[in-house]
């Protein structure tokens, strides 16, 4: 099944109704946008692709960021080209370091692999995920396409996982709200109105 948006992911993976994950539901149950940081070595290739793909596929439910442990100072032209093939532009993207992003505010940090290690601050309360994505730097456009497609698959799986977590969180809040209103509710039993205990 092709999954083109986070809305579809929630309905496919979480089994919920189409209208059950929308902005008004998010506001009602105080569900915040999930912040995800993708970290690679130079913030020129892999993490830039992951950020762009997550923001594109996440459709406003996820706010993705990217950074490099040793930023190269520019986004690779091959990165820009292979994302443009998918209809995604990187006009406002630039190569950033870990000091340029709010690490402590992240819900999820993804290390892209190939020896990347992200030092997390003591107050980080999110989740660390490690992927094993090869670095396409200087290996040619075809290799960049392969890595882009690999990253897209990983991003889709991550978004589906986050969507399931979000649905569980929403359902938990609904159940808590219902339990407050269900206490003392009544049912019809044997022709008489009886209170549940």
N, C-alpha and C. Protein backbone atom coordinates (compact mmCIF):
# COMPACT_ATOMS: atom_id res chain seq x y z
N UNK A 1 0.85 -1.19 0.00
CA UNK A 1 0.00 0.00 0.00
C UNK A 1 0.88 1.23 0.00
N UNK A 2 0.65 2.15 -0.93
CA UNK A 2 1.40 3.40 -0.96
C UNK A 2 0.86 4.33 0.11
N UNK A 3 1.77 4.91 0.87
CA UNK A 3 1.37 5.82 1.93
C UNK A 3 1.95 7.18 1.59
N UNK A 4 1.09 8.15 1.29
CA UNK A 4 1.58 9.44 0.83
C UNK A 4 1.50 10.54 1.86
N UNK A 5 0.89 10.31 2.99
CA UNK A 5 0.84 11.35 4.01
C UNK A 5 0.71 10.73 5.37
N UNK A 6 1.00 11.51 6.38
CA UNK A 6 0.90 11.01 7.74
C UNK A 6 -0.55 10.69 8.09
N UNK A 7 -1.51 11.41 7.51
CA UNK A 7 -2.93 11.11 7.73
C UNK A 7 -3.21 9.67 7.33
N UNK A 8 -2.71 9.25 6.14
CA UNK A 8 -2.95 7.90 5.68
C UNK A 8 -2.20 6.90 6.55
N UNK A 9 -1.01 7.25 7.00
CA UNK A 9 -0.23 6.35 7.85
C UNK A 9 -1.00 6.05 9.12
N UNK A 10 -1.57 7.06 9.73
CA UNK A 10 -2.31 6.86 10.97
C UNK A 10 -3.48 5.93 10.72
N UNK A 11 -4.19 6.15 9.65
CA UNK A 11 -5.36 5.33 9.38
C UNK A 11 -4.97 3.91 8.99
N UNK A 12 -3.83 3.75 8.32
CA UNK A 12 -3.38 2.42 7.92
C UNK A 12 -2.78 1.69 9.11
N UNK A 13 -1.83 2.33 9.80
CA UNK A 13 -1.11 1.65 10.88
C UNK A 13 -1.90 1.62 12.17
N UNK A 14 -2.67 2.67 12.44
CA UNK A 14 -3.36 2.75 13.71
C UNK A 14 -4.79 2.27 13.67
N UNK A 15 -5.33 2.02 12.48
CA UNK A 15 -6.69 1.54 12.37
C UNK A 15 -7.74 2.56 12.77
N UNK A 16 -7.41 3.84 12.71
CA UNK A 16 -8.35 4.86 13.16
C UNK A 16 -9.16 5.39 11.97
N UNK A 17 -10.18 6.14 12.27
CA UNK A 17 -11.00 6.75 11.22
C UNK A 17 -10.24 7.90 10.59
N UNK A 18 -10.57 8.20 9.34
CA UNK A 18 -9.84 9.23 8.60
C UNK A 18 -9.86 10.56 9.33
N UNK A 19 -10.97 10.94 9.92
CA UNK A 19 -11.06 12.23 10.57
C UNK A 19 -10.52 12.27 11.97
N UNK A 20 -9.98 11.16 12.47
CA UNK A 20 -9.61 11.13 13.88
C UNK A 20 -8.27 11.77 14.17
N UNK A 21 -7.43 12.00 13.17
CA UNK A 21 -6.18 12.71 13.42
C UNK A 21 -6.19 13.98 12.59
N UNK A 22 -6.62 15.03 13.21
CA UNK A 22 -6.63 16.31 12.54
C UNK A 22 -6.23 17.40 13.52
N UNK A 23 -6.12 18.63 13.03
CA UNK A 23 -5.64 19.71 13.88
C UNK A 23 -6.53 19.96 15.08
N UNK A 24 -7.85 19.87 14.92
CA UNK A 24 -8.74 20.14 16.05
C UNK A 24 -8.61 19.04 17.11
N UNK A 25 -8.42 17.78 16.67
CA UNK A 25 -8.20 16.70 17.63
C UNK A 25 -6.88 16.91 18.36
N UNK A 26 -5.85 17.30 17.63
CA UNK A 26 -4.55 17.56 18.24
C UNK A 26 -4.65 18.64 19.31
N UNK A 27 -5.36 19.72 19.00
CA UNK A 27 -5.51 20.82 19.96
C UNK A 27 -6.35 20.39 21.15
N UNK A 28 -7.43 19.67 20.89
CA UNK A 28 -8.33 19.25 21.96
C UNK A 28 -7.62 18.37 22.98
N UNK A 29 -6.77 17.46 22.50
CA UNK A 29 -6.08 16.55 23.39
C UNK A 29 -4.63 16.97 23.64
N UNK A 30 -4.31 18.21 23.30
CA UNK A 30 -3.00 18.79 23.58
C UNK A 30 -1.87 17.93 23.01
N UNK A 31 -2.03 17.47 21.77
CA UNK A 31 -1.00 16.69 21.10
C UNK A 31 -0.13 17.64 20.30
N UNK A 32 1.13 17.75 20.68
CA UNK A 32 2.02 18.68 20.02
C UNK A 32 2.66 18.04 18.79
N UNK A 33 3.16 18.90 17.92
CA UNK A 33 3.88 18.44 16.76
C UNK A 33 5.16 17.75 17.25
N UNK A 34 5.47 16.59 16.68
CA UNK A 34 6.65 15.83 17.08
C UNK A 34 7.87 16.45 16.40
N UNK A 35 8.92 16.71 17.20
CA UNK A 35 10.16 17.28 16.68
C UNK A 35 11.20 16.18 16.53
N UNK A 36 11.72 16.05 15.30
CA UNK A 36 12.68 15.01 14.99
C UNK A 36 13.95 15.65 14.42
N UNK A 37 15.10 15.24 14.95
CA UNK A 37 16.39 15.72 14.45
C UNK A 37 17.14 14.57 13.80
N UNK A 38 17.59 14.78 12.56
CA UNK A 38 18.40 13.81 11.85
C UNK A 38 19.84 14.31 11.85
N UNK A 39 20.77 13.45 12.27
CA UNK A 39 22.17 13.86 12.41
C UNK A 39 23.06 12.98 11.54
N UNK A 40 23.88 13.62 10.71
CA UNK A 40 24.91 12.91 9.96
C UNK A 40 26.23 13.64 10.17
N UNK A 41 27.23 13.30 9.39
CA UNK A 41 28.56 13.88 9.59
C UNK A 41 28.60 15.35 9.14
N UNK A 42 28.29 15.63 7.89
CA UNK A 42 28.49 16.96 7.34
C UNK A 42 27.25 17.80 7.14
N UNK A 43 26.06 17.23 7.40
CA UNK A 43 24.79 17.90 7.14
C UNK A 43 24.75 18.46 5.72
N UNK A 44 25.22 17.62 4.81
CA UNK A 44 25.26 18.00 3.40
C UNK A 44 24.45 17.03 2.54
N UNK A 45 24.30 15.80 3.02
CA UNK A 45 23.64 14.76 2.21
C UNK A 45 22.51 14.07 2.97
N UNK A 46 22.84 13.05 3.78
CA UNK A 46 21.84 12.16 4.37
C UNK A 46 20.85 12.87 5.29
N UNK A 47 21.34 13.63 6.24
CA UNK A 47 20.41 14.27 7.19
C UNK A 47 19.56 15.33 6.50
N UNK A 48 20.11 15.98 5.48
CA UNK A 48 19.32 16.95 4.71
C UNK A 48 18.17 16.24 3.99
N UNK A 49 18.48 15.07 3.40
CA UNK A 49 17.44 14.29 2.71
C UNK A 49 16.36 13.87 3.71
N UNK A 50 16.79 13.36 4.86
CA UNK A 50 15.83 12.88 5.86
C UNK A 50 14.95 14.01 6.37
N UNK A 51 15.54 15.17 6.65
CA UNK A 51 14.76 16.32 7.11
C UNK A 51 13.70 16.69 6.08
N UNK A 52 14.13 16.83 4.83
CA UNK A 52 13.20 17.25 3.77
C UNK A 52 12.10 16.22 3.56
N UNK A 53 12.46 14.94 3.53
CA UNK A 53 11.46 13.90 3.32
C UNK A 53 10.48 13.81 4.49
N UNK A 54 10.99 13.92 5.71
CA UNK A 54 10.09 13.86 6.88
C UNK A 54 9.13 15.03 6.91
N UNK A 55 9.61 16.23 6.61
CA UNK A 55 8.71 17.38 6.58
C UNK A 55 7.69 17.26 5.44
N UNK A 56 8.13 16.75 4.31
CA UNK A 56 7.24 16.57 3.16
C UNK A 56 6.17 15.51 3.44
N UNK A 57 6.60 14.36 3.92
CA UNK A 57 5.67 13.26 4.17
C UNK A 57 4.87 13.45 5.46
N UNK A 58 5.44 14.18 6.42
CA UNK A 58 4.78 14.40 7.71
C UNK A 58 3.63 15.38 7.65
N UNK A 59 3.56 16.19 6.63
CA UNK A 59 2.43 17.10 6.38
C UNK A 59 2.00 17.90 7.63
N UNK A 60 2.96 18.47 8.34
CA UNK A 60 2.62 19.34 9.46
C UNK A 60 2.41 18.64 10.79
N UNK A 61 2.50 17.32 10.83
CA UNK A 61 2.39 16.58 12.09
C UNK A 61 3.76 16.39 12.71
N UNK A 62 4.80 16.49 11.88
CA UNK A 62 6.18 16.33 12.33
C UNK A 62 6.94 17.57 11.90
N UNK A 63 7.82 18.05 12.77
CA UNK A 63 8.72 19.15 12.41
C UNK A 63 10.12 18.56 12.46
N UNK A 64 10.71 18.36 11.28
CA UNK A 64 12.02 17.75 11.20
C UNK A 64 13.11 18.81 11.08
N UNK A 65 14.26 18.48 11.65
CA UNK A 65 15.45 19.31 11.61
C UNK A 65 16.61 18.41 11.18
N UNK A 66 17.72 19.02 10.82
CA UNK A 66 18.92 18.25 10.53
C UNK A 66 20.14 19.02 10.99
N UNK A 67 21.21 18.27 11.26
CA UNK A 67 22.48 18.87 11.67
C UNK A 67 23.59 17.88 11.41
N UNK A 68 24.81 18.39 11.42
CA UNK A 68 25.98 17.54 11.25
C UNK A 68 26.90 17.66 12.43
N UNK A 69 27.59 16.58 12.74
CA UNK A 69 28.58 16.64 13.82
C UNK A 69 29.78 17.47 13.39
N UNK A 70 30.04 17.52 12.07
CA UNK A 70 31.11 18.33 11.48
C UNK A 70 30.57 18.97 10.20
N UNK A 71 29.71 20.00 10.33
CA UNK A 71 29.03 20.56 9.16
C UNK A 71 30.00 21.04 8.08
N UNK A 72 29.68 20.70 6.83
CA UNK A 72 30.54 21.06 5.70
C UNK A 72 30.31 22.49 5.21
N UNK A 73 29.22 23.12 5.62
CA UNK A 73 28.97 24.50 5.21
C UNK A 73 28.12 24.66 3.98
N UNK A 74 27.80 23.55 3.31
CA UNK A 74 26.92 23.63 2.14
C UNK A 74 26.17 22.32 1.95
N UNK A 75 25.00 22.43 1.32
CA UNK A 75 24.23 21.25 0.97
C UNK A 75 24.72 20.78 -0.39
N UNK A 76 25.01 19.50 -0.50
CA UNK A 76 25.53 18.94 -1.75
C UNK A 76 24.57 19.20 -2.91
N UNK A 77 25.10 19.62 -4.06
CA UNK A 77 24.25 19.77 -5.26
C UNK A 77 23.54 18.47 -5.64
N UNK A 78 24.18 17.32 -5.40
CA UNK A 78 23.55 16.04 -5.69
C UNK A 78 22.35 15.80 -4.76
N UNK A 79 22.46 16.21 -3.51
CA UNK A 79 21.34 16.10 -2.57
C UNK A 79 20.16 16.91 -3.10
N UNK A 80 20.44 18.15 -3.47
CA UNK A 80 19.39 19.03 -4.02
C UNK A 80 18.75 18.41 -5.26
N UNK A 81 19.58 17.86 -6.14
CA UNK A 81 19.09 17.31 -7.41
C UNK A 81 18.19 16.10 -7.20
N UNK A 82 18.61 15.14 -6.34
CA UNK A 82 17.81 13.92 -6.19
C UNK A 82 16.51 14.19 -5.42
N UNK A 83 16.50 15.20 -4.56
CA UNK A 83 15.24 15.56 -3.90
C UNK A 83 14.33 16.32 -4.86
N UNK A 84 14.93 17.13 -5.74
CA UNK A 84 14.14 17.83 -6.75
C UNK A 84 13.41 16.84 -7.65
N UNK A 85 14.03 15.69 -7.91
CA UNK A 85 13.38 14.64 -8.70
C UNK A 85 12.10 14.15 -8.03
N UNK A 86 12.02 14.30 -6.71
CA UNK A 86 10.83 13.90 -5.95
C UNK A 86 9.88 15.08 -5.72
N UNK A 87 10.19 16.23 -6.32
CA UNK A 87 9.34 17.41 -6.15
C UNK A 87 9.60 18.17 -4.86
N UNK A 88 10.76 17.96 -4.25
CA UNK A 88 11.10 18.61 -2.99
C UNK A 88 12.28 19.55 -3.23
N UNK A 89 12.11 20.81 -2.83
CA UNK A 89 13.20 21.77 -2.98
C UNK A 89 13.84 22.06 -1.63
N UNK A 90 15.09 22.47 -1.69
CA UNK A 90 15.85 22.77 -0.47
C UNK A 90 16.29 24.23 -0.47
N UNK A 91 15.44 25.12 -0.95
CA UNK A 91 15.81 26.53 -1.06
C UNK A 91 16.27 27.14 0.26
N UNK A 92 15.61 26.80 1.34
CA UNK A 92 15.93 27.41 2.62
C UNK A 92 16.83 26.53 3.50
N UNK A 93 17.36 25.46 2.95
CA UNK A 93 18.23 24.57 3.72
C UNK A 93 19.66 25.06 3.66
N UNK A 94 20.36 24.87 4.75
CA UNK A 94 21.78 25.19 4.84
C UNK A 94 22.44 24.19 5.77
N UNK A 95 23.73 24.02 5.64
CA UNK A 95 24.47 23.05 6.44
C UNK A 95 24.65 23.58 7.86
N UNK A 96 24.13 22.83 8.85
CA UNK A 96 24.12 23.28 10.24
C UNK A 96 24.88 22.31 11.13
N UNK A 97 25.34 22.83 12.26
CA UNK A 97 25.95 21.99 13.28
C UNK A 97 24.96 21.74 14.40
N UNK A 98 25.35 20.90 15.34
CA UNK A 98 24.48 20.57 16.47
C UNK A 98 24.16 21.79 17.33
N UNK A 99 25.05 22.77 17.36
CA UNK A 99 24.81 23.99 18.14
C UNK A 99 23.74 24.88 17.51
N UNK A 100 23.40 24.61 16.26
CA UNK A 100 22.43 25.43 15.54
C UNK A 100 20.99 24.94 15.67
N UNK A 101 20.79 23.84 16.39
CA UNK A 101 19.44 23.29 16.55
C UNK A 101 19.14 23.12 18.05
N UNK A 102 17.86 23.19 18.42
CA UNK A 102 17.48 23.05 19.84
C UNK A 102 17.43 21.58 20.27
N UNK A 103 18.60 20.98 20.49
CA UNK A 103 18.71 19.55 20.79
C UNK A 103 17.82 19.11 21.95
N UNK A 104 17.78 19.89 23.01
CA UNK A 104 17.01 19.51 24.20
C UNK A 104 15.52 19.43 23.94
N UNK A 105 15.04 20.14 22.93
CA UNK A 105 13.60 20.17 22.63
C UNK A 105 13.15 19.02 21.75
N UNK A 106 14.07 18.22 21.25
CA UNK A 106 13.72 17.16 20.30
C UNK A 106 13.03 16.00 21.00
N UNK A 107 12.02 15.46 20.32
CA UNK A 107 11.34 14.25 20.78
C UNK A 107 12.08 13.01 20.32
N UNK A 108 12.70 13.11 19.15
CA UNK A 108 13.44 11.99 18.56
C UNK A 108 14.71 12.53 17.92
N UNK A 109 15.82 11.85 18.15
CA UNK A 109 17.08 12.15 17.46
C UNK A 109 17.48 10.87 16.72
N UNK A 110 17.75 11.03 15.43
CA UNK A 110 18.14 9.89 14.59
C UNK A 110 19.58 10.09 14.13
N UNK A 111 20.46 9.17 14.55
CA UNK A 111 21.83 9.14 14.03
C UNK A 111 21.79 8.37 12.72
N UNK A 112 22.31 8.97 11.65
CA UNK A 112 22.16 8.38 10.32
C UNK A 112 23.10 7.21 10.05
N UNK A 113 24.14 7.04 10.86
CA UNK A 113 25.05 5.91 10.68
C UNK A 113 26.41 6.33 10.16
N UNK A 114 27.23 5.32 9.78
CA UNK A 114 28.59 5.54 9.28
C UNK A 114 29.45 6.27 10.32
N UNK A 115 29.35 5.82 11.56
CA UNK A 115 30.19 6.36 12.63
C UNK A 115 29.70 7.63 13.28
N UNK A 116 28.51 8.09 12.92
CA UNK A 116 27.98 9.33 13.50
C UNK A 116 27.56 9.07 14.94
N UNK A 117 28.04 9.90 15.84
CA UNK A 117 27.65 9.85 17.25
C UNK A 117 27.25 11.25 17.67
N UNK A 118 26.04 11.36 18.16
CA UNK A 118 25.50 12.65 18.58
C UNK A 118 25.56 12.75 20.11
N UNK A 119 26.29 13.72 20.60
CA UNK A 119 26.32 13.95 22.05
C UNK A 119 25.02 14.63 22.46
N UNK A 120 24.27 13.94 23.28
CA UNK A 120 22.98 14.48 23.71
C UNK A 120 23.14 15.21 25.04
N UNK A 121 22.45 16.33 25.20
CA UNK A 121 22.55 17.07 26.46
C UNK A 121 21.90 16.30 27.60
N UNK A 122 22.28 16.62 28.81
CA UNK A 122 21.77 15.92 30.00
C UNK A 122 20.26 16.04 30.13
N UNK A 123 19.70 17.15 29.64
CA UNK A 123 18.26 17.37 29.78
C UNK A 123 17.44 16.81 28.60
N UNK A 124 18.08 16.04 27.72
CA UNK A 124 17.36 15.43 26.60
C UNK A 124 16.46 14.31 27.14
N UNK A 125 15.17 14.40 26.85
CA UNK A 125 14.21 13.42 27.35
C UNK A 125 13.57 12.60 26.23
N UNK A 126 14.07 12.79 25.02
CA UNK A 126 13.48 12.11 23.87
C UNK A 126 14.05 10.72 23.65
N UNK A 127 13.90 10.27 22.44
CA UNK A 127 14.28 8.92 22.04
C UNK A 127 15.43 9.00 21.04
N UNK A 128 16.46 8.18 21.20
CA UNK A 128 17.58 8.11 20.26
C UNK A 128 17.40 6.88 19.39
N UNK A 129 17.50 7.08 18.08
CA UNK A 129 17.38 5.98 17.11
C UNK A 129 18.65 5.98 16.26
N UNK A 130 19.16 4.79 15.98
CA UNK A 130 20.36 4.67 15.15
C UNK A 130 20.01 3.94 13.85
N UNK A 131 20.25 4.62 12.73
CA UNK A 131 20.09 4.01 11.42
C UNK A 131 21.46 3.67 10.87
N UNK A 132 21.49 2.87 9.82
CA UNK A 132 22.75 2.51 9.16
C UNK A 132 22.63 2.86 7.68
N UNK A 133 22.73 4.16 7.43
CA UNK A 133 22.60 4.69 6.07
C UNK A 133 23.99 5.03 5.55
N UNK A 134 24.41 4.46 4.41
CA UNK A 134 25.74 4.78 3.87
C UNK A 134 25.82 6.24 3.42
N UNK A 135 27.01 6.79 3.54
CA UNK A 135 27.23 8.19 3.14
C UNK A 135 27.50 8.26 1.64
N UNK A 136 26.67 8.98 0.88
CA UNK A 136 26.87 9.04 -0.57
C UNK A 136 27.84 10.13 -1.03
N UNK A 137 28.41 10.88 -0.10
CA UNK A 137 29.23 12.03 -0.43
C UNK A 137 30.31 11.68 -1.45
N UNK A 138 30.32 12.42 -2.56
CA UNK A 138 31.29 12.29 -3.67
C UNK A 138 31.21 10.96 -4.42
N UNK A 139 30.11 10.22 -4.29
CA UNK A 139 30.01 8.92 -4.95
C UNK A 139 29.13 8.92 -6.20
N UNK A 140 28.62 10.07 -6.60
CA UNK A 140 27.85 10.14 -7.84
C UNK A 140 26.35 10.12 -7.63
N UNK A 141 25.65 10.64 -8.62
CA UNK A 141 24.20 10.84 -8.56
C UNK A 141 23.43 9.55 -8.36
N UNK A 142 23.83 8.47 -9.03
CA UNK A 142 23.10 7.20 -8.87
C UNK A 142 23.16 6.71 -7.43
N UNK A 143 24.32 6.85 -6.81
CA UNK A 143 24.45 6.44 -5.41
C UNK A 143 23.57 7.33 -4.52
N UNK A 144 23.51 8.61 -4.83
CA UNK A 144 22.64 9.53 -4.08
C UNK A 144 21.18 9.10 -4.20
N UNK A 145 20.76 8.67 -5.38
CA UNK A 145 19.38 8.20 -5.56
C UNK A 145 19.10 6.97 -4.70
N UNK A 146 20.04 6.03 -4.69
CA UNK A 146 19.87 4.83 -3.88
C UNK A 146 19.74 5.18 -2.40
N UNK A 147 20.60 6.09 -1.94
CA UNK A 147 20.56 6.51 -0.53
C UNK A 147 19.28 7.27 -0.23
N UNK A 148 18.86 8.13 -1.15
CA UNK A 148 17.58 8.85 -0.98
C UNK A 148 16.43 7.88 -0.80
N UNK A 149 16.37 6.84 -1.63
CA UNK A 149 15.28 5.87 -1.55
C UNK A 149 15.34 5.06 -0.26
N UNK A 150 16.54 4.73 0.17
CA UNK A 150 16.73 4.03 1.44
C UNK A 150 16.24 4.90 2.60
N UNK A 151 16.62 6.18 2.57
CA UNK A 151 16.19 7.12 3.62
C UNK A 151 14.68 7.28 3.59
N UNK A 152 14.10 7.38 2.41
CA UNK A 152 12.65 7.54 2.32
C UNK A 152 11.93 6.37 2.98
N UNK A 153 12.40 5.17 2.75
CA UNK A 153 11.81 4.00 3.39
C UNK A 153 11.91 4.06 4.91
N UNK A 154 13.08 4.46 5.41
CA UNK A 154 13.26 4.59 6.86
C UNK A 154 12.39 5.69 7.44
N UNK A 155 12.27 6.81 6.73
CA UNK A 155 11.43 7.92 7.20
C UNK A 155 9.97 7.48 7.25
N UNK A 156 9.51 6.77 6.25
CA UNK A 156 8.13 6.30 6.24
C UNK A 156 7.85 5.37 7.44
N UNK A 157 8.81 4.48 7.73
CA UNK A 157 8.64 3.59 8.89
C UNK A 157 8.64 4.39 10.19
N UNK A 158 9.51 5.38 10.28
CA UNK A 158 9.55 6.22 11.49
C UNK A 158 8.24 6.98 11.65
N UNK A 159 7.73 7.56 10.58
CA UNK A 159 6.47 8.30 10.65
C UNK A 159 5.31 7.39 11.06
N UNK A 160 5.30 6.17 10.54
CA UNK A 160 4.25 5.22 10.91
C UNK A 160 4.34 4.89 12.40
N UNK A 161 5.56 4.71 12.89
CA UNK A 161 5.78 4.42 14.31
C UNK A 161 5.33 5.61 15.17
N UNK A 162 5.70 6.81 14.76
CA UNK A 162 5.29 8.01 15.51
C UNK A 162 3.78 8.19 15.47
N UNK A 163 3.17 7.85 14.34
CA UNK A 163 1.71 7.97 14.22
C UNK A 163 1.01 7.01 15.18
N UNK A 164 1.51 5.78 15.27
CA UNK A 164 0.93 4.82 16.22
C UNK A 164 1.06 5.34 17.65
N UNK A 165 2.24 5.90 17.98
CA UNK A 165 2.43 6.47 19.32
C UNK A 165 1.45 7.61 19.57
N UNK A 166 1.23 8.42 18.54
CA UNK A 166 0.34 9.57 18.66
C UNK A 166 -1.11 9.12 18.87
N UNK A 167 -1.52 8.10 18.12
CA UNK A 167 -2.88 7.58 18.27
C UNK A 167 -3.05 6.99 19.66
N UNK A 168 -2.05 6.25 20.15
CA UNK A 168 -2.12 5.69 21.50
C UNK A 168 -2.23 6.80 22.54
N UNK A 169 -1.47 7.85 22.37
CA UNK A 169 -1.51 8.98 23.30
C UNK A 169 -2.88 9.65 23.28
N UNK A 170 -3.41 9.85 22.08
CA UNK A 170 -4.74 10.46 21.94
C UNK A 170 -5.80 9.57 22.56
N UNK A 171 -5.73 8.25 22.28
CA UNK A 171 -6.72 7.33 22.83
C UNK A 171 -6.64 7.27 24.35
N UNK A 172 -5.43 7.33 24.88
CA UNK A 172 -5.24 7.33 26.33
C UNK A 172 -5.90 8.57 26.95
N UNK A 173 -5.74 9.71 26.29
CA UNK A 173 -6.35 10.94 26.80
C UNK A 173 -7.87 10.87 26.70
N UNK A 174 -8.36 10.25 25.62
CA UNK A 174 -9.81 10.08 25.47
C UNK A 174 -10.34 9.17 26.58
N UNK A 175 -9.65 8.05 26.83
CA UNK A 175 -10.08 7.12 27.87
C UNK A 175 -10.08 7.78 29.25
N UNK A 176 -9.05 8.58 29.52
CA UNK A 176 -9.01 9.30 30.81
C UNK A 176 -10.19 10.25 30.92
N UNK A 177 -10.50 10.94 29.82
CA UNK A 177 -11.65 11.85 29.82
C UNK A 177 -12.95 11.11 29.99
N UNK A 178 -13.08 9.95 29.33
CA UNK A 178 -14.30 9.15 29.45
C UNK A 178 -14.47 8.57 30.84
N UNK A 179 -13.35 8.17 31.47
CA UNK A 179 -13.47 7.58 32.80
C UNK A 179 -13.97 8.61 33.81
N UNK A 180 -13.66 9.87 33.57
CA UNK A 180 -14.16 10.92 34.46
C UNK A 180 -15.67 11.09 34.30
N UNK A 181 -16.15 10.95 33.07
CA UNK A 181 -17.59 11.13 32.84
C UNK A 181 -18.38 9.85 33.05
N UNK A 182 -17.71 8.67 32.98
CA UNK A 182 -18.41 7.40 33.15
C UNK A 182 -18.69 7.07 34.61
N UNK A 183 -17.96 7.62 35.54
CA UNK A 183 -18.20 7.34 36.95
C UNK A 183 -19.61 7.77 37.31
N UNK A 184 -20.40 6.83 37.77
CA UNK A 184 -21.78 7.16 38.12
C UNK A 184 -22.72 7.09 36.95
N UNK A 185 -22.24 6.57 35.78
CA UNK A 185 -23.15 6.46 34.65
C UNK A 185 -24.16 5.35 34.92
N UNK A 186 -25.24 5.37 34.20
CA UNK A 186 -26.30 4.39 34.48
C UNK A 186 -26.53 3.50 33.28
N UNK A 187 -27.20 2.36 33.52
CA UNK A 187 -27.58 1.45 32.44
C UNK A 187 -28.99 0.94 32.72
N UNK A 188 -29.63 0.48 31.67
CA UNK A 188 -30.99 -0.05 31.81
C UNK A 188 -30.88 -1.54 32.06
N UNK A 189 -31.44 -2.02 33.15
CA UNK A 189 -31.29 -3.43 33.51
C UNK A 189 -32.61 -3.96 34.04
N UNK A 190 -33.14 -5.03 33.41
CA UNK A 190 -34.35 -5.72 33.88
C UNK A 190 -35.54 -4.79 34.01
N UNK A 191 -35.68 -3.86 33.07
CA UNK A 191 -36.83 -2.97 33.12
C UNK A 191 -36.68 -1.84 34.10
N UNK A 192 -35.60 -1.81 34.86
CA UNK A 192 -35.37 -0.73 35.82
C UNK A 192 -34.08 0.01 35.47
N UNK A 193 -34.02 1.23 35.85
CA UNK A 193 -32.83 2.05 35.65
C UNK A 193 -31.93 1.81 36.85
N UNK A 194 -30.77 1.17 36.65
CA UNK A 194 -29.87 0.87 37.77
C UNK A 194 -28.54 1.55 37.58
N UNK A 195 -27.95 2.05 38.64
CA UNK A 195 -26.64 2.68 38.58
C UNK A 195 -25.55 1.62 38.57
N UNK A 196 -24.52 1.85 37.73
CA UNK A 196 -23.37 0.95 37.73
C UNK A 196 -22.51 1.25 38.93
N UNK A 197 -21.92 0.22 39.47
CA UNK A 197 -21.01 0.45 40.60
C UNK A 197 -19.57 0.27 40.17
